[in-house]
Full PDB file with SEQRES, HELIX, SHEET, SSBOND, CRYST1, ORIGX, SCALE, CONECT and MASTER records, all heavy atoms in Angstrom:
SEQRES   1 A   42  HIS VAL ALA ILE ILE LEU ASP GLY ASN GLY ARG TRP ALA          
SEQRES   2 A   42  LYS LYS ARG PHE LEU PRO ARG ASN ALA GLY HIS ALA ALA          
SEQRES   3 A   42  GLY ALA LYS THR VAL GLU LYS THR ILE GLU SER ALA HIS          
SEQRES   4 A   42  ASN MET GLY                                                  
HELIX    1 AA1 ASN A    9  LYS A   15  1                                   7    
HELIX    2 AA2 ARG A   20  MET A   41  1                                  22    
CRYST1    1.000    1.000    1.000  90.00  90.00  90.00 P 1           1          
ORIGX1      1.000000  0.000000  0.000000        0.00000                         
ORIGX2      0.000000  1.000000  0.000000        0.00000                         
ORIGX3      0.000000  0.000000  1.000000        0.00000                         
SCALE1      1.000000  0.000000  0.000000        0.00000                         
SCALE2      0.000000  1.000000  0.000000        0.00000                         
SCALE3      0.000000  0.000000  1.000000        0.00000                         
ATOM      1  N   HIS A   1       0.819  -1.171  -0.018  1.00  0.00           N  
ATOM      2  CA  HIS A   1       0.029  -0.010   0.030  1.00  0.00           C  
ATOM      3  C   HIS A   1       0.911   1.257   0.022  1.00  0.00           C  
ATOM      4  O   HIS A   1       1.709   1.443   0.879  1.00  0.00           O  
ATOM      5  CB  HIS A   1      -0.897  -0.009   1.229  1.00  0.00           C  
ATOM      6  CG  HIS A   1      -1.878   1.179   1.294  1.00  0.00           C  
ATOM      7  ND1 HIS A   1      -2.756   1.295   2.345  1.00  0.00           N  
ATOM      8  CD2 HIS A   1      -2.058   2.194   0.465  1.00  0.00           C  
ATOM      9  CE1 HIS A   1      -3.459   2.399   2.118  1.00  0.00           C  
ATOM     10  NE2 HIS A   1      -3.102   2.975   0.987  1.00  0.00           N  
ATOM     11  N   VAL A   2       0.699   2.095  -1.008  1.00  0.00           N  
ATOM     12  CA  VAL A   2       1.430   3.376  -1.084  1.00  0.00           C  
ATOM     13  C   VAL A   2       0.398   4.495  -0.994  1.00  0.00           C  
ATOM     14  O   VAL A   2      -0.604   4.525  -1.694  1.00  0.00           O  
ATOM     15  CB  VAL A   2       2.164   3.481  -2.439  1.00  0.00           C  
ATOM     16  CG1 VAL A   2       2.816   4.898  -2.562  1.00  0.00           C  
ATOM     17  CG2 VAL A   2       3.263   2.386  -2.519  1.00  0.00           C  
ATOM     18  N   ALA A   3       0.678   5.445  -0.093  1.00  0.00           N  
ATOM     19  CA  ALA A   3      -0.126   6.631   0.057  1.00  0.00           C  
ATOM     20  C   ALA A   3       0.698   7.800  -0.437  1.00  0.00           C  
ATOM     21  O   ALA A   3       1.896   7.893  -0.204  1.00  0.00           O  
ATOM     22  CB  ALA A   3      -0.545   6.836   1.508  1.00  0.00           C  
ATOM     23  N   ILE A   4       0.011   8.792  -1.093  1.00  0.00           N  
ATOM     24  CA  ILE A   4       0.739   9.916  -1.676  1.00  0.00           C  
ATOM     25  C   ILE A   4       0.019  11.238  -1.298  1.00  0.00           C  
ATOM     26  O   ILE A   4      -1.213  11.312  -1.354  1.00  0.00           O  
ATOM     27  CB  ILE A   4       0.797   9.827  -3.187  1.00  0.00           C  
ATOM     28  CG1 ILE A   4       1.385   8.470  -3.625  1.00  0.00           C  
ATOM     29  CG2 ILE A   4       1.687  10.935  -3.742  1.00  0.00           C  
ATOM     30  CD1 ILE A   4       1.495   8.280  -5.117  1.00  0.00           C  
ATOM     31  N   ILE A   5       0.831  12.213  -0.909  1.00  0.00           N  
ATOM     32  CA  ILE A   5       0.303  13.600  -0.732  1.00  0.00           C  
ATOM     33  C   ILE A   5       0.761  14.306  -2.033  1.00  0.00           C  
ATOM     34  O   ILE A   5       1.953  14.530  -2.277  1.00  0.00           O  
ATOM     35  CB  ILE A   5       0.939  14.271   0.511  1.00  0.00           C  
ATOM     36  CG1 ILE A   5       0.503  13.522   1.756  1.00  0.00           C  
ATOM     37  CG2 ILE A   5       0.495  15.725   0.567  1.00  0.00           C  
ATOM     38  CD1 ILE A   5       1.149  14.075   3.025  1.00  0.00           C  
ATOM     39  N   LEU A   6      -0.206  14.650  -2.875  1.00  0.00           N  
ATOM     40  CA  LEU A   6       0.020  15.252  -4.176  1.00  0.00           C  
ATOM     41  C   LEU A   6       0.290  16.766  -3.990  1.00  0.00           C  
ATOM     42  O   LEU A   6      -0.682  17.556  -3.884  1.00  0.00           O  
ATOM     43  CB  LEU A   6      -1.203  15.086  -5.089  1.00  0.00           C  
ATOM     44  CG  LEU A   6      -1.925  13.742  -4.997  1.00  0.00           C  
ATOM     45  CD1 LEU A   6      -3.154  13.744  -5.890  1.00  0.00           C  
ATOM     46  CD2 LEU A   6      -0.959  12.579  -5.426  1.00  0.00           C  
ATOM     47  N   ASP A   7       1.523  17.140  -3.960  1.00  0.00           N  
ATOM     48  CA  ASP A   7       1.830  18.552  -3.645  1.00  0.00           C  
ATOM     49  C   ASP A   7       2.631  19.174  -4.771  1.00  0.00           C  
ATOM     50  O   ASP A   7       3.511  18.526  -5.341  1.00  0.00           O  
ATOM     51  CB  ASP A   7       2.610  18.610  -2.316  1.00  0.00           C  
ATOM     52  CG  ASP A   7       2.496  19.935  -1.608  1.00  0.00           C  
ATOM     53  OD1 ASP A   7       1.794  20.824  -2.190  1.00  0.00           O  
ATOM     54  OD2 ASP A   7       3.101  20.131  -0.540  1.00  0.00           O  
ATOM     55  N   GLY A   8       2.394  20.460  -5.047  1.00  0.00           N  
ATOM     56  CA  GLY A   8       3.201  21.197  -5.972  1.00  0.00           C  
ATOM     57  C   GLY A   8       2.528  21.549  -7.316  1.00  0.00           C  
ATOM     58  O   GLY A   8       3.162  22.104  -8.168  1.00  0.00           O  
ATOM     59  N   ASN A   9       1.214  21.305  -7.400  1.00  0.00           N  
ATOM     60  CA  ASN A   9       0.472  21.663  -8.645  1.00  0.00           C  
ATOM     61  C   ASN A   9       0.529  23.166  -8.913  1.00  0.00           C  
ATOM     62  O   ASN A   9       0.791  23.581 -10.088  1.00  0.00           O  
ATOM     63  CB  ASN A   9      -0.999  21.225  -8.552  1.00  0.00           C  
ATOM     64  CG  ASN A   9      -1.151  19.712  -8.559  1.00  0.00           C  
ATOM     65  OD1 ASN A   9      -0.274  18.983  -9.015  1.00  0.00           O  
ATOM     66  ND2 ASN A   9      -2.273  19.237  -8.062  1.00  0.00           N  
ATOM     67  N   GLY A  10       0.277  23.970  -7.878  1.00  0.00           N  
ATOM     68  CA  GLY A  10       0.298  25.409  -8.065  1.00  0.00           C  
ATOM     69  C   GLY A  10       1.673  25.923  -8.402  1.00  0.00           C  
ATOM     70  O   GLY A  10       1.777  26.843  -9.302  1.00  0.00           O  
ATOM     71  N   ARG A  11       2.736  25.409  -7.791  1.00  0.00           N  
ATOM     72  CA  ARG A  11       4.047  25.886  -8.053  1.00  0.00           C  
ATOM     73  C   ARG A  11       4.467  25.464  -9.468  1.00  0.00           C  
ATOM     74  O   ARG A  11       5.231  26.176 -10.174  1.00  0.00           O  
ATOM     75  CB  ARG A  11       5.056  25.368  -7.038  1.00  0.00           C  
ATOM     76  CG  ARG A  11       5.123  26.169  -5.767  1.00  0.00           C  
ATOM     77  CD  ARG A  11       5.784  25.478  -4.639  1.00  0.00           C  
ATOM     78  NE  ARG A  11       4.874  24.515  -3.995  1.00  0.00           N  
ATOM     79  CZ  ARG A  11       5.217  23.745  -2.977  1.00  0.00           C  
ATOM     80  NH1 ARG A  11       6.468  23.714  -2.589  1.00  0.00           N  
ATOM     81  NH2 ARG A  11       4.349  22.919  -2.484  1.00  0.00           N  
ATOM     82  N   TRP A  12       4.067  24.270  -9.892  1.00  0.00           N  
ATOM     83  CA  TRP A  12       4.325  23.787 -11.256  1.00  0.00           C  
ATOM     84  C   TRP A  12       3.754  24.767 -12.265  1.00  0.00           C  
ATOM     85  O   TRP A  12       4.402  25.142 -13.213  1.00  0.00           O  
ATOM     86  CB  TRP A  12       3.747  22.378 -11.397  1.00  0.00           C  
ATOM     87  CG  TRP A  12       4.009  21.750 -12.741  1.00  0.00           C  
ATOM     88  CD1 TRP A  12       5.024  20.953 -13.109  1.00  0.00           C  
ATOM     89  CD2 TRP A  12       3.139  21.855 -13.909  1.00  0.00           C  
ATOM     90  NE1 TRP A  12       4.919  20.553 -14.395  1.00  0.00           N  
ATOM     91  CE2 TRP A  12       3.761  21.078 -14.933  1.00  0.00           C  
ATOM     92  CE3 TRP A  12       1.945  22.493 -14.206  1.00  0.00           C  
ATOM     93  CZ2 TRP A  12       3.177  20.940 -16.234  1.00  0.00           C  
ATOM     94  CZ3 TRP A  12       1.400  22.388 -15.465  1.00  0.00           C  
ATOM     95  CH2 TRP A  12       2.003  21.604 -16.456  1.00  0.00           C  
ATOM     96  N   ALA A  13       2.504  25.198 -12.038  1.00  0.00           N  
ATOM     97  CA  ALA A  13       1.851  26.128 -12.939  1.00  0.00           C  
ATOM     98  C   ALA A  13       2.554  27.490 -12.909  1.00  0.00           C  
ATOM     99  O   ALA A  13       2.749  28.099 -13.961  1.00  0.00           O  
ATOM    100  CB  ALA A  13       0.377  26.273 -12.569  1.00  0.00           C  
ATOM    101  N   LYS A  14       2.855  27.966 -11.709  1.00  0.00           N  
ATOM    102  CA  LYS A  14       3.512  29.275 -11.564  1.00  0.00           C  
ATOM    103  C   LYS A  14       4.810  29.328 -12.362  1.00  0.00           C  
ATOM    104  O   LYS A  14       5.148  30.323 -13.030  1.00  0.00           O  
ATOM    105  CB  LYS A  14       3.746  29.605 -10.112  1.00  0.00           C  
ATOM    106  CG  LYS A  14       4.284  30.956  -9.842  1.00  0.00           C  
ATOM    107  CD  LYS A  14       4.425  31.265  -8.359  1.00  0.00           C  
ATOM    108  CE  LYS A  14       4.989  32.623  -8.114  1.00  0.00           C  
ATOM    109  NZ  LYS A  14       5.099  32.915  -6.638  1.00  0.00           N  
ATOM    110  N   LYS A  15       5.629  28.257 -12.304  1.00  0.00           N  
ATOM    111  CA  LYS A  15       6.889  28.180 -13.001  1.00  0.00           C  
ATOM    112  C   LYS A  15       6.720  28.361 -14.522  1.00  0.00           C  
ATOM    113  O   LYS A  15       7.633  28.792 -15.223  1.00  0.00           O  
ATOM    114  CB  LYS A  15       7.614  26.896 -12.719  1.00  0.00           C  
ATOM    115  CG  LYS A  15       8.223  26.831 -11.317  1.00  0.00           C  
ATOM    116  CD  LYS A  15       8.882  25.482 -11.075  1.00  0.00           C  
ATOM    117  CE  LYS A  15       9.963  25.120 -12.031  1.00  0.00           C  
ATOM    118  NZ  LYS A  15      10.588  23.801 -11.723  1.00  0.00           N  
ATOM    119  N   ARG A  16       5.544  27.989 -14.985  1.00  0.00           N  
ATOM    120  CA  ARG A  16       5.202  28.028 -16.425  1.00  0.00           C  
ATOM    121  C   ARG A  16       4.356  29.211 -16.819  1.00  0.00           C  
ATOM    122  O   ARG A  16       3.767  29.261 -17.875  1.00  0.00           O  
ATOM    123  CB  ARG A  16       4.614  26.693 -16.841  1.00  0.00           C  
ATOM    124  CG  ARG A  16       5.582  25.531 -16.821  1.00  0.00           C  
ATOM    125  CD  ARG A  16       4.886  24.221 -16.723  1.00  0.00           C  
ATOM    126  NE  ARG A  16       5.908  23.138 -16.772  1.00  0.00           N  
ATOM    127  CZ  ARG A  16       6.651  22.761 -15.724  1.00  0.00           C  
ATOM    128  NH1 ARG A  16       6.506  23.424 -14.545  1.00  0.00           N  
ATOM    129  NH2 ARG A  16       7.532  21.825 -15.859  1.00  0.00           N  
ATOM    130  N   PHE A  17       4.135  30.131 -15.799  1.00  0.00           N  
ATOM    131  CA  PHE A  17       3.309  31.285 -16.050  1.00  0.00           C  
ATOM    132  C   PHE A  17       1.869  30.923 -16.462  1.00  0.00           C  
ATOM    133  O   PHE A  17       1.264  31.545 -17.327  1.00  0.00           O  
ATOM    134  CB  PHE A  17       3.910  32.262 -17.073  1.00  0.00           C  
ATOM    135  CG  PHE A  17       5.335  32.676 -16.747  1.00  0.00           C  
ATOM    136  CD1 PHE A  17       6.408  32.042 -17.305  1.00  0.00           C  
ATOM    137  CD2 PHE A  17       5.545  33.666 -15.758  1.00  0.00           C  
ATOM    138  CE1 PHE A  17       7.721  32.436 -16.944  1.00  0.00           C  
ATOM    139  CE2 PHE A  17       6.829  34.060 -15.435  1.00  0.00           C  
ATOM    140  CZ  PHE A  17       7.922  33.441 -15.999  1.00  0.00           C  
ATOM    141  N   LEU A  18       1.372  29.864 -15.821  1.00  0.00           N  
ATOM    142  CA  LEU A  18       0.055  29.335 -16.071  1.00  0.00           C  
ATOM    143  C   LEU A  18      -0.836  29.534 -14.841  1.00  0.00           C  
ATOM    144  O   LEU A  18      -0.297  29.672 -13.704  1.00  0.00           O  
ATOM    145  CB  LEU A  18       0.074  27.843 -16.430  1.00  0.00           C  
ATOM    146  CG  LEU A  18       0.833  27.448 -17.667  1.00  0.00           C  
ATOM    147  CD1 LEU A  18       0.978  25.957 -17.745  1.00  0.00           C  
ATOM    148  CD2 LEU A  18       0.138  27.959 -18.916  1.00  0.00           C  
ATOM    149  N   PRO A  19      -2.142  29.554 -14.962  1.00  0.00           N  
ATOM    150  CA  PRO A  19      -2.977  29.637 -13.790  1.00  0.00           C  
ATOM    151  C   PRO A  19      -2.901  28.399 -12.971  1.00  0.00           C  
ATOM    152  O   PRO A  19      -2.579  27.299 -13.482  1.00  0.00           O  
ATOM    153  CB  PRO A  19      -4.422  29.838 -14.400  1.00  0.00           C  
ATOM    154  CG  PRO A  19      -4.332  29.259 -15.772  1.00  0.00           C  
ATOM    155  CD  PRO A  19      -2.901  29.550 -16.230  1.00  0.00           C  
ATOM    156  N   ARG A  20      -3.195  28.529 -11.690  1.00  0.00           N  
ATOM    157  CA  ARG A  20      -3.053  27.368 -10.757  1.00  0.00           C  
ATOM    158  C   ARG A  20      -3.917  26.215 -11.250  1.00  0.00           C  
ATOM    159  O   ARG A  20      -3.556  25.027 -11.038  1.00  0.00           O  
ATOM    160  CB  ARG A  20      -3.452  27.790  -9.317  1.00  0.00           C  
ATOM    161  CG  ARG A  20      -2.443  28.658  -8.610  1.00  0.00           C  
ATOM    162  CD  ARG A  20      -2.954  29.063  -7.298  1.00  0.00           C  
ATOM    163  NE  ARG A  20      -3.190  27.941  -6.383  1.00  0.00           N  
ATOM    164  CZ  ARG A  20      -2.239  27.340  -5.642  1.00  0.00           C  
ATOM    165  NH1 ARG A  20      -0.987  27.770  -5.665  1.00  0.00           N  
ATOM    166  NH2 ARG A  20      -2.567  26.333  -4.862  1.00  0.00           N  
ATOM    167  N   ASN A  21      -5.085  26.520 -11.875  1.00  0.00           N  
ATOM    168  CA  ASN A  21      -5.922  25.459 -12.288  1.00  0.00           C  
ATOM    169  C   ASN A  21      -5.324  24.570 -13.335  1.00  0.00           C  
ATOM    170  O   ASN A  21      -5.609  23.373 -13.406  1.00  0.00           O  
ATOM    171  CB  ASN A  21      -7.297  26.074 -12.871  1.00  0.00           C  
ATOM    172  CG  ASN A  21      -8.018  26.826 -11.803  1.00  0.00           C  
ATOM    173  OD1 ASN A  21      -7.824  26.654 -10.613  1.00  0.00           O  
ATOM    174  ND2 ASN A  21      -8.898  27.757 -12.249  1.00  0.00           N  
ATOM    175  N   ALA A  22      -4.423  25.158 -14.158  1.00  0.00           N  
ATOM    176  CA  ALA A  22      -3.679  24.315 -15.098  1.00  0.00           C  
ATOM    177  C   ALA A  22      -2.796  23.306 -14.404  1.00  0.00           C  
ATOM    178  O   ALA A  22      -2.620  22.183 -14.889  1.00  0.00           O  
ATOM    179  CB  ALA A  22      -2.860  25.233 -15.990  1.00  0.00           C  
ATOM    180  N   GLY A  23      -2.256  23.687 -13.268  1.00  0.00           N  
ATOM    181  CA  GLY A  23      -1.452  22.766 -12.467  1.00  0.00           C  
ATOM    182  C   GLY A  23      -2.264  21.611 -11.926  1.00  0.00           C  
ATOM    183  O   GLY A  23      -1.839  20.451 -11.955  1.00  0.00           O  
ATOM    184  N   HIS A  24      -3.514  21.919 -11.471  1.00  0.00           N  
ATOM    185  CA  HIS A  24      -4.377  20.814 -10.957  1.00  0.00           C  
ATOM    186  C   HIS A  24      -4.738  19.910 -12.098  1.00  0.00           C  
ATOM    187  O   HIS A  24      -4.851  18.686 -11.846  1.00  0.00           O  
ATOM    188  CB  HIS A  24      -5.612  21.493 -10.338  1.00  0.00           C  
ATOM    189  CG  HIS A  24      -5.304  22.318  -9.119  1.00  0.00           C  
ATOM    190  ND1 HIS A  24      -4.531  21.828  -8.047  1.00  0.00           N  
ATOM    191  CD2 HIS A  24      -5.641  23.572  -8.755  1.00  0.00           C  
ATOM    192  CE1 HIS A  24      -4.432  22.768  -7.128  1.00  0.00           C  
ATOM    193  NE2 HIS A  24      -5.113  23.809  -7.525  1.00  0.00           N  
ATOM    194  N   ALA A  25      -5.014  20.463 -13.273  1.00  0.00           N  
ATOM    195  CA  ALA A  25      -5.386  19.585 -14.386  1.00  0.00           C  
ATOM    196  C   ALA A  25      -4.189  18.669 -14.777  1.00  0.00           C  
ATOM    197  O   ALA A  25      -4.394  17.463 -15.060  1.00  0.00           O  
ATOM    198  CB  ALA A  25      -5.785  20.402 -15.594  1.00  0.00           C  
ATOM    199  N   ALA A  26      -2.990  19.233 -14.753  1.00  0.00           N  
ATOM    200  CA  ALA A  26      -1.801  18.425 -15.063  1.00  0.00           C  
ATOM    201  C   ALA A  26      -1.593  17.364 -13.993  1.00  0.00           C  
ATOM    202  O   ALA A  26      -1.210  16.217 -14.278  1.00  0.00           O  
ATOM    203  CB  ALA A  26      -0.578  19.305 -15.154  1.00  0.00           C  
ATOM    204  N   GLY A  27      -1.893  17.749 -12.721  1.00  0.00           N  
ATOM    205  CA  GLY A  27      -1.756  16.811 -11.637  1.00  0.00           C  
ATOM    206  C   GLY A  27      -2.711  15.647 -11.728  1.00  0.00           C  
ATOM    207  O   GLY A  27      -2.354  14.487 -11.375  1.00  0.00           O  
ATOM    208  N   ALA A  28      -3.914  15.904 -12.220  1.00  0.00           N  
ATOM    209  CA  ALA A  28      -4.898  14.866 -12.418  1.00  0.00           C  
ATOM    210  C   ALA A  28      -4.391  13.802 -13.442  1.00  0.00           C  
ATOM    211  O   ALA A  28      -4.632  12.611 -13.298  1.00  0.00           O  
ATOM    212  CB  ALA A  28      -6.267  15.414 -12.849  1.00  0.00           C  
ATOM    213  N   LYS A  29      -3.737  14.274 -14.493  1.00  0.00           N  
ATOM    214  CA  LYS A  29      -3.217  13.381 -15.503  1.00  0.00           C  
ATOM    215  C   LYS A  29      -2.072  12.540 -14.896  1.00  0.00           C  
ATOM    216  O   LYS A  29      -1.910  11.339 -15.219  1.00  0.00           O  
ATOM    217  CB  LYS A  29      -2.638  14.120 -16.693  1.00  0.00           C  
ATOM    218  CG  LYS A  29      -3.778  14.826 -17.507  1.00  0.00           C  
ATOM    219  CD  LYS A  29      -3.217  15.644 -18.645  1.00  0.00           C  
ATOM    220  CE  LYS A  29      -4.312  16.311 -19.417  1.00  0.00           C  
ATOM    221  NZ  LYS A  29      -3.818  17.183 -20.539  1.00  0.00           N  
ATOM    222  N   THR A  30      -1.288  13.172 -13.989  1.00  0.00           N  
ATOM    223  CA  THR A  30      -0.212  12.401 -13.341  1.00  0.00           C  
ATOM    224  C   THR A  30      -0.762  11.298 -12.412  1.00  0.00           C  
ATOM    225  O   THR A  30      -0.194  10.227 -12.298  1.00  0.00           O  
ATOM    226  CB  THR A  30       0.644  13.378 -12.493  1.00  0.00           C  
ATOM    227  OG1 THR A  30       1.248  14.321 -13.397  1.00  0.00           O  
ATOM    228  CG2 THR A  30       1.791  12.624 -11.780  1.00  0.00           C  
ATOM    229  N   VAL A  31      -1.917  11.536 -11.819  1.00  0.00           N  
ATOM    230  CA  VAL A  31      -2.568  10.512 -11.004  1.00  0.00           C  
ATOM    231  C   VAL A  31      -2.848   9.328 -11.842  1.00  0.00           C  
ATOM    232  O   VAL A  31      -2.545   8.175 -11.410  1.00  0.00           O  
ATOM    233  CB  VAL A  31      -3.876  11.025 -10.372  1.00  0.00           C  
ATOM    234  CG1 VAL A  31      -4.687   9.909  -9.743  1.00  0.00           C  
ATOM    235  CG2 VAL A  31      -3.590  12.097  -9.312  1.00  0.00           C  
ATOM    236  N   GLU A  32      -3.368   9.517 -13.042  1.00  0.00           N  
ATOM    237  CA  GLU A  32      -3.755   8.369 -13.876  1.00  0.00           C  
ATOM    238  C   GLU A  32      -2.481   7.576 -14.301  1.00  0.00           C  
ATOM    239  O   GLU A  32      -2.544   6.322 -14.278  1.00  0.00           O  
ATOM    240  CB  GLU A  32      -4.452   8.884 -15.136  1.00  0.00           C  
ATOM    241  CG  GLU A  32      -5.862   9.393 -14.914  1.00  0.00           C  
ATOM    242  CD  GLU A  32      -6.714   8.402 -14.112  1.00  0.00           C  
ATOM    243  OE1 GLU A  32      -6.745   7.236 -14.512  1.00  0.00           O  
ATOM    244  OE2 GLU A  32      -7.266   8.810 -13.133  1.00  0.00           O  
ATOM    245  N   LYS A  33      -1.429   8.276 -14.625  1.00  0.00           N  
ATOM    246  CA  LYS A  33      -0.172   7.599 -15.011  1.00  0.00           C  
ATOM    247  C   LYS A  33       0.384   6.816 -13.820  1.00  0.00           C  
ATOM    248  O   LYS A  33       0.936   5.723 -13.947  1.00  0.00           O  
ATOM    249  CB  LYS A  33       0.851   8.618 -15.484  1.00  0.00           C  
ATOM    250  CG  LYS A  33       0.438   9.280 -16.799  1.00  0.00           C  
ATOM    251  CD  LYS A  33       1.400  10.384 -17.153  1.00  0.00           C  
ATOM    252  CE  LYS A  33       0.984  11.184 -18.416  1.00  0.00           C  
ATOM    253  NZ  LYS A  33       1.887  12.319 -18.664  1.00  0.00           N  
ATOM    254  N   THR A  34       0.277   7.426 -12.608  1.00  0.00           N  
ATOM    255  CA  THR A  34       0.796   6.766 -11.414  1.00  0.00           C  
ATOM    256  C   THR A  34       0.025   5.499 -11.043  1.00  0.00           C  
ATOM    257  O   THR A  34       0.630   4.542 -10.596  1.00  0.00           O  
ATOM    258  CB  THR A  34       0.809   7.771 -10.212  1.00  0.00           C  
ATOM    259  OG1 THR A  34       1.552   8.922 -10.626  1.00  0.00           O  
ATOM    260  CG2 THR A  34       1.431   7.147  -8.987  1.00  0.00           C  
ATOM    261  N   ILE A  35      -1.316   5.532 -11.203  1.00  0.00           N  
ATOM    262  CA  ILE A  35      -2.068   4.340 -10.983  1.00  0.00           C  
ATOM    263  C   ILE A  35      -1.591   3.187 -11.847  1.00  0.00           C  
ATOM    264  O   ILE A  35      -1.348   2.068 -11.397  1.00  0.00           O  
ATOM    265  CB  ILE A  35      -3.572   4.604 -11.269  1.00  0.00           C  
ATOM    266  CG1 ILE A  35      -4.160   5.625 -10.238  1.00  0.00           C  
ATOM    267  CG2 ILE A  35      -4.372   3.279 -11.157  1.00  0.00           C  
ATOM    268  CD1 ILE A  35      -5.528   6.106 -10.591  1.00  0.00           C  
ATOM    269  N   GLU A  36      -1.369   3.523 -13.141  1.00  0.00           N  
ATOM    270  CA  GLU A  36      -0.923   2.490 -14.072  1.00  0.00           C  
ATOM    271  C   GLU A  36       0.481   1.965 -13.675  1.00  0.00           C  
ATOM    272  O   GLU A  36       0.716   0.771 -13.652  1.00  0.00           O  
ATOM    273  CB  GLU A  36      -0.889   3.056 -15.461  1.00  0.00           C  
ATOM    274  CG  GLU A  36      -0.474   2.050 -16.547  1.00  0.00           C  
ATOM    275  CD  GLU A  36      -0.495   2.633 -17.956  1.00  0.00           C  
ATOM    276  OE1 GLU A  36      -0.888   3.790 -18.112  1.00  0.00           O  
ATOM    277  OE2 GLU A  36      -0.086   1.897 -18.864  1.00  0.00           O  
ATOM    278  N   SER A  37       1.366   2.901 -13.318  1.00  0.00           N  
ATOM    279  CA  SER A  37       2.739   2.497 -12.962  1.00  0.00           C  
ATOM    280  C   SER A  37       2.662   1.610 -11.648  1.00  0.00           C  
ATOM    281  O   SER A  37       3.368   0.577 -11.530  1.00  0.00           O  
ATOM    282  CB  SER A  37       3.618   3.706 -12.671  1.00  0.00           C  
ATOM    283  OG  SER A  37       3.755   4.463 -13.827  1.00  0.00           O  
ATOM    284  N   ALA A  38       1.870   2.067 -10.684  1.00  0.00           N  
ATOM    285  CA  ALA A  38       1.732   1.265  -9.430  1.00  0.00           C  
ATOM    286  C   ALA A  38       1.210  -0.113  -9.665  1.00  0.00           C  
ATOM    287  O   ALA A  38       1.706  -1.112  -9.142  1.00  0.00           O  
ATOM    288  CB  ALA A  38       0.807   2.025  -8.467  1.00  0.00           C  
ATOM    289  N   HIS A  39       0.211  -0.230 -10.523  1.00  0.00           N  
ATOM    290  CA  HIS A  39      -0.384  -1.517 -10.869  1.00  0.00           C  
ATOM    291  C   HIS A  39       0.709  -2.442 -11.539  1.00  0.00           C  
ATOM    292  O   HIS A  39       0.838  -3.605 -11.188  1.00  0.00           O  
ATOM    293  CB  HIS A  39      -1.559  -1.356 -11.803  1.00  0.00           C  
ATOM    294  CG  HIS A  39      -2.122  -2.645 -12.361  1.00  0.00           C  
ATOM    295  ND1 HIS A  39      -2.779  -3.582 -11.604  1.00  0.00           N  
ATOM    296  CD2 HIS A  39      -1.991  -3.152 -13.644  1.00  0.00           C  
ATOM    297  CE1 HIS A  39      -3.093  -4.612 -12.345  1.00  0.00           C  
ATOM    298  NE2 HIS A  39      -2.645  -4.375 -13.566  1.00  0.00           N  
ATOM    299  N   ASN A  40       1.426  -1.855 -12.480  1.00  0.00           N  
ATOM    300  CA  ASN A  40       2.439  -2.662 -13.167  1.00  0.00           C  
ATOM    301  C   ASN A  40       3.569  -3.107 -12.259  1.00  0.00           C  
ATOM    302  O   ASN A  40       4.181  -4.166 -12.499  1.00  0.00           O  
ATOM    303  CB  ASN A  40       3.067  -1.831 -14.318  1.00  0.00           C  
ATOM    304  CG  ASN A  40       2.050  -1.569 -15.431  1.00  0.00           C  
ATOM    305  OD1 ASN A  40       1.083  -2.313 -15.605  1.00  0.00           O  
ATOM    306  ND2 ASN A  40       2.248  -0.541 -16.225  1.00  0.00           N  
ATOM    307  N   MET A  41       3.841  -2.367 -11.215  1.00  0.00           N  
ATOM    308  CA  MET A  41       4.854  -2.734 -10.238  1.00  0.00           C  
ATOM    309  C   MET A  41       4.399  -3.822  -9.220  1.00  0.00           C  
ATOM    310  O   MET A  41       5.205  -4.367  -8.502  1.00  0.00           O  
ATOM    311  CB  MET A  41       5.317  -1.503  -9.446  1.00  0.00           C  
ATOM    312  CG  MET A  41       6.152  -0.541 -10.205  1.00  0.00           C  
ATOM    313  SD  MET A  41       6.588   0.865  -9.193  1.00  0.00           S  
ATOM    314  CE  MET A  41       7.075   2.066 -10.456  1.00  0.00           C  
ATOM    315  N   GLY A  42       3.067  -3.956  -9.154  1.00  0.00           N  
ATOM    316  CA  GLY A  42       2.539  -4.932  -8.220  1.00  0.00           C  
ATOM    317  C   GLY A  42       2.019  -4.324  -6.893  1.00  0.00           C  
ATOM    318  O   GLY A  42       1.694  -5.035  -5.926  1.00  0.00           O  
TER     319      GLY A  42                                                      
MASTER        0    0    0    2    0    0    0    6  318    1    0    4          
END                                                                             
């Protein structure tokens, strides 16, 4: 069992001069990729 605190979406967006909401949207995509990676690892 792996638990994750998803932190840094706002800072990710700020570094790219994007609104914070863009960071949250990017973070949601990362969640999907991480689920797949976690499953593949067992």
